Amino acid sequence: MGKGARLKKSRKKQKPGVDKALSDSMTKNFQNELRNSPIWDQMVAQFGQERAEQILKECKAEVKPGDKY
């Protein structure tokens, strides 16, 4: 087995949890920043509190392998 095959095999064993944790953290930070911004007041005025919360929960950060963060 060559070096490339060994590296590929070891990469397959790595857990993808780091990207998931980073994505969750970025999502939470983004949602908090949005909730504390003037845009939030506009969203609540336009859609109502309940619908604005639903829209906010739909906003999620997505970290793809190879992205620089």
N, C-alpha and C. Protein backbone atom coordinates (compact mmCIF):
# COMPACT_ATOMS: atom_id res chain seq x y z
N MET A 1 0.86 -1.17 0.00
CA MET A 1 0.00 0.00 0.00
C MET A 1 0.91 1.23 0.00
N GLY A 2 0.63 2.14 -0.92
CA GLY A 2 1.42 3.36 -1.05
C GLY A 2 1.00 4.42 -0.06
N LYS A 3 1.78 5.49 -0.06
CA LYS A 3 1.51 6.59 0.87
C LYS A 3 0.13 7.21 0.62
N GLY A 4 -0.22 7.40 -0.65
CA GLY A 4 -1.52 8.00 -0.99
C GLY A 4 -2.68 7.16 -0.50
N ALA A 5 -2.56 5.85 -0.66
CA ALA A 5 -3.63 4.95 -0.21
C ALA A 5 -3.76 4.97 1.31
N ARG A 6 -2.61 5.02 2.00
CA ARG A 6 -2.65 5.08 3.47
C ARG A 6 -3.31 6.37 3.94
N LEU A 7 -2.97 7.48 3.30
CA LEU A 7 -3.57 8.76 3.68
C LEU A 7 -5.07 8.76 3.43
N LYS A 8 -5.46 8.22 2.29
CA LYS A 8 -6.88 8.16 1.95
C LYS A 8 -7.64 7.30 2.97
N LYS A 9 -7.04 6.19 3.35
CA LYS A 9 -7.67 5.30 4.33
C LYS A 9 -7.79 5.99 5.69
N SER A 10 -6.75 6.71 6.09
CA SER A 10 -6.80 7.38 7.40
C SER A 10 -7.79 8.54 7.39
N ARG A 11 -7.96 9.22 6.27
CA ARG A 11 -8.92 10.32 6.17
C ARG A 11 -10.36 9.81 6.28
N LYS A 12 -10.60 8.62 5.75
CA LYS A 12 -11.95 8.04 5.83
C LYS A 12 -12.33 7.74 7.27
N LYS A 13 -11.33 7.44 8.12
CA LYS A 13 -11.60 7.10 9.51
C LYS A 13 -11.85 8.33 10.37
N GLN A 14 -11.45 9.50 9.91
CA GLN A 14 -11.61 10.72 10.71
C GLN A 14 -13.08 11.05 10.88
N LYS A 15 -13.40 11.56 12.04
CA LYS A 15 -14.78 11.92 12.33
C LYS A 15 -15.09 13.30 11.77
N PRO A 16 -16.25 13.46 11.14
CA PRO A 16 -16.61 14.77 10.59
C PRO A 16 -17.21 15.72 11.64
N GLY A 17 -17.10 15.40 12.92
CA GLY A 17 -17.71 16.19 13.98
C GLY A 17 -17.20 17.62 14.08
N VAL A 18 -15.97 17.85 13.68
CA VAL A 18 -15.42 19.20 13.77
C VAL A 18 -16.21 20.15 12.89
N ASP A 19 -16.50 19.74 11.68
CA ASP A 19 -17.28 20.59 10.78
C ASP A 19 -18.69 20.82 11.31
N LYS A 20 -19.30 19.80 11.89
CA LYS A 20 -20.64 19.92 12.45
C LYS A 20 -20.64 20.89 13.63
N ALA A 21 -19.65 20.77 14.49
CA ALA A 21 -19.56 21.65 15.66
C ALA A 21 -19.33 23.09 15.22
N LEU A 22 -18.48 23.27 14.23
CA LEU A 22 -18.20 24.61 13.72
C LEU A 22 -19.46 25.20 13.08
N SER A 23 -20.15 24.40 12.31
CA SER A 23 -21.38 24.85 11.66
C SER A 23 -22.44 25.25 12.69
N ASP A 24 -22.59 24.45 13.73
CA ASP A 24 -23.57 24.76 14.79
C ASP A 24 -23.20 26.06 15.50
N SER A 25 -21.92 26.22 15.78
CA SER A 25 -21.46 27.43 16.46
C SER A 25 -21.68 28.67 15.60
N MET A 26 -21.36 28.56 14.33
CA MET A 26 -21.55 29.69 13.42
C MET A 26 -23.03 30.02 13.26
N THR A 27 -23.87 29.00 13.19
CA THR A 27 -25.32 29.20 13.08
C THR A 27 -25.85 29.94 14.30
N LYS A 28 -25.44 29.50 15.47
CA LYS A 28 -25.91 30.13 16.71
C LYS A 28 -25.46 31.59 16.79
N ASN A 29 -24.21 31.84 16.44
CA ASN A 29 -23.70 33.22 16.46
C ASN A 29 -24.45 34.10 15.46
N PHE A 30 -24.69 33.58 14.26
CA PHE A 30 -25.40 34.35 13.25
C PHE A 30 -26.81 34.68 13.71
N GLN A 31 -27.50 33.69 14.26
CA GLN A 31 -28.87 33.92 14.73
C GLN A 31 -28.92 34.94 15.86
N ASN A 32 -27.94 34.89 16.76
CA ASN A 32 -27.89 35.87 17.85
C ASN A 32 -27.62 37.27 17.31
N GLU A 33 -26.69 37.38 16.36
CA GLU A 33 -26.39 38.69 15.76
C GLU A 33 -27.61 39.25 15.04
N LEU A 34 -28.32 38.40 14.32
CA LEU A 34 -29.51 38.85 13.59
C LEU A 34 -30.60 39.29 14.56
N ARG A 35 -30.76 38.55 15.64
CA ARG A 35 -31.79 38.89 16.62
C ARG A 35 -31.50 40.25 17.28
N ASN A 36 -30.24 40.63 17.37
CA ASN A 36 -29.86 41.90 18.00
C ASN A 36 -29.67 43.04 16.99
N SER A 37 -30.06 42.83 15.75
CA SER A 37 -29.87 43.85 14.72
C SER A 37 -31.20 44.56 14.41
N PRO A 38 -31.13 45.70 13.73
CA PRO A 38 -32.35 46.42 13.34
C PRO A 38 -33.23 45.61 12.36
N ILE A 39 -32.63 44.69 11.64
CA ILE A 39 -33.39 43.87 10.69
C ILE A 39 -34.42 43.02 11.44
N TRP A 40 -34.07 42.59 12.65
CA TRP A 40 -34.99 41.76 13.43
C TRP A 40 -36.29 42.49 13.71
N ASP A 41 -36.19 43.76 14.07
CA ASP A 41 -37.40 44.55 14.33
C ASP A 41 -38.27 44.65 13.08
N GLN A 42 -37.63 44.79 11.93
CA GLN A 42 -38.37 44.86 10.66
C GLN A 42 -39.05 43.52 10.37
N MET A 43 -38.34 42.42 10.63
CA MET A 43 -38.92 41.09 10.39
C MET A 43 -40.14 40.87 11.28
N VAL A 44 -40.04 41.25 12.55
CA VAL A 44 -41.15 41.07 13.49
C VAL A 44 -42.33 41.93 13.07
N ALA A 45 -42.06 43.16 12.63
CA ALA A 45 -43.14 44.04 12.19
C ALA A 45 -43.83 43.50 10.95
N GLN A 46 -43.05 42.91 10.04
CA GLN A 46 -43.61 42.44 8.78
C GLN A 46 -44.30 41.08 8.92
N PHE A 47 -43.68 40.14 9.65
CA PHE A 47 -44.19 38.77 9.70
C PHE A 47 -44.82 38.38 11.03
N GLY A 48 -44.57 39.12 12.07
CA GLY A 48 -45.03 38.74 13.41
C GLY A 48 -43.93 37.96 14.13
N GLN A 49 -44.02 37.92 15.45
CA GLN A 49 -42.97 37.31 16.27
C GLN A 49 -42.79 35.82 15.96
N GLU A 50 -43.88 35.08 15.86
CA GLU A 50 -43.80 33.63 15.66
C GLU A 50 -43.17 33.27 14.32
N ARG A 51 -43.62 33.92 13.25
CA ARG A 51 -43.08 33.63 11.91
C ARG A 51 -41.63 34.09 11.81
N ALA A 52 -41.29 35.20 12.43
CA ALA A 52 -39.90 35.68 12.41
C ALA A 52 -38.98 34.68 13.10
N GLU A 53 -39.44 34.07 14.19
CA GLU A 53 -38.65 33.04 14.88
C GLU A 53 -38.46 31.82 13.98
N GLN A 54 -39.51 31.43 13.24
CA GLN A 54 -39.40 30.29 12.33
C GLN A 54 -38.38 30.59 11.22
N ILE A 55 -38.44 31.78 10.67
CA ILE A 55 -37.50 32.17 9.62
C ILE A 55 -36.08 32.16 10.16
N LEU A 56 -35.91 32.65 11.37
CA LEU A 56 -34.58 32.69 11.99
C LEU A 56 -34.02 31.28 12.18
N LYS A 57 -34.87 30.34 12.57
CA LYS A 57 -34.42 28.96 12.77
C LYS A 57 -34.03 28.30 11.45
N GLU A 58 -34.56 28.78 10.34
CA GLU A 58 -34.22 28.23 9.03
C GLU A 58 -32.85 28.70 8.55
N CYS A 59 -32.33 29.77 9.14
CA CYS A 59 -31.02 30.30 8.76
C CYS A 59 -29.94 29.46 9.42
N LYS A 60 -29.21 28.71 8.63
CA LYS A 60 -28.17 27.83 9.17
C LYS A 60 -26.88 28.02 8.38
N ALA A 61 -25.78 27.98 9.10
CA ALA A 61 -24.46 28.05 8.46
C ALA A 61 -24.11 26.66 7.96
N GLU A 62 -23.53 26.61 6.79
CA GLU A 62 -23.13 25.33 6.21
C GLU A 62 -21.65 25.40 5.87
N VAL A 63 -20.85 24.55 6.52
CA VAL A 63 -19.42 24.52 6.28
C VAL A 63 -19.14 23.31 5.41
N LYS A 64 -18.57 23.56 4.25
CA LYS A 64 -18.25 22.48 3.33
C LYS A 64 -16.77 22.14 3.45
N PRO A 65 -16.40 20.88 3.25
CA PRO A 65 -14.98 20.53 3.30
C PRO A 65 -14.20 21.36 2.27
N GLY A 66 -13.10 21.90 2.72
CA GLY A 66 -12.28 22.71 1.83
C GLY A 66 -12.55 24.19 1.94
N ASP A 67 -13.64 24.59 2.60
CA ASP A 67 -13.92 26.01 2.80
C ASP A 67 -12.91 26.57 3.79
N LYS A 68 -12.53 27.80 3.58
CA LYS A 68 -11.63 28.47 4.51
C LYS A 68 -12.48 29.20 5.52
N TYR A 69 -12.25 28.94 6.79
CA TYR A 69 -13.01 29.59 7.86
C TYR A 69 -12.12 30.03 8.95
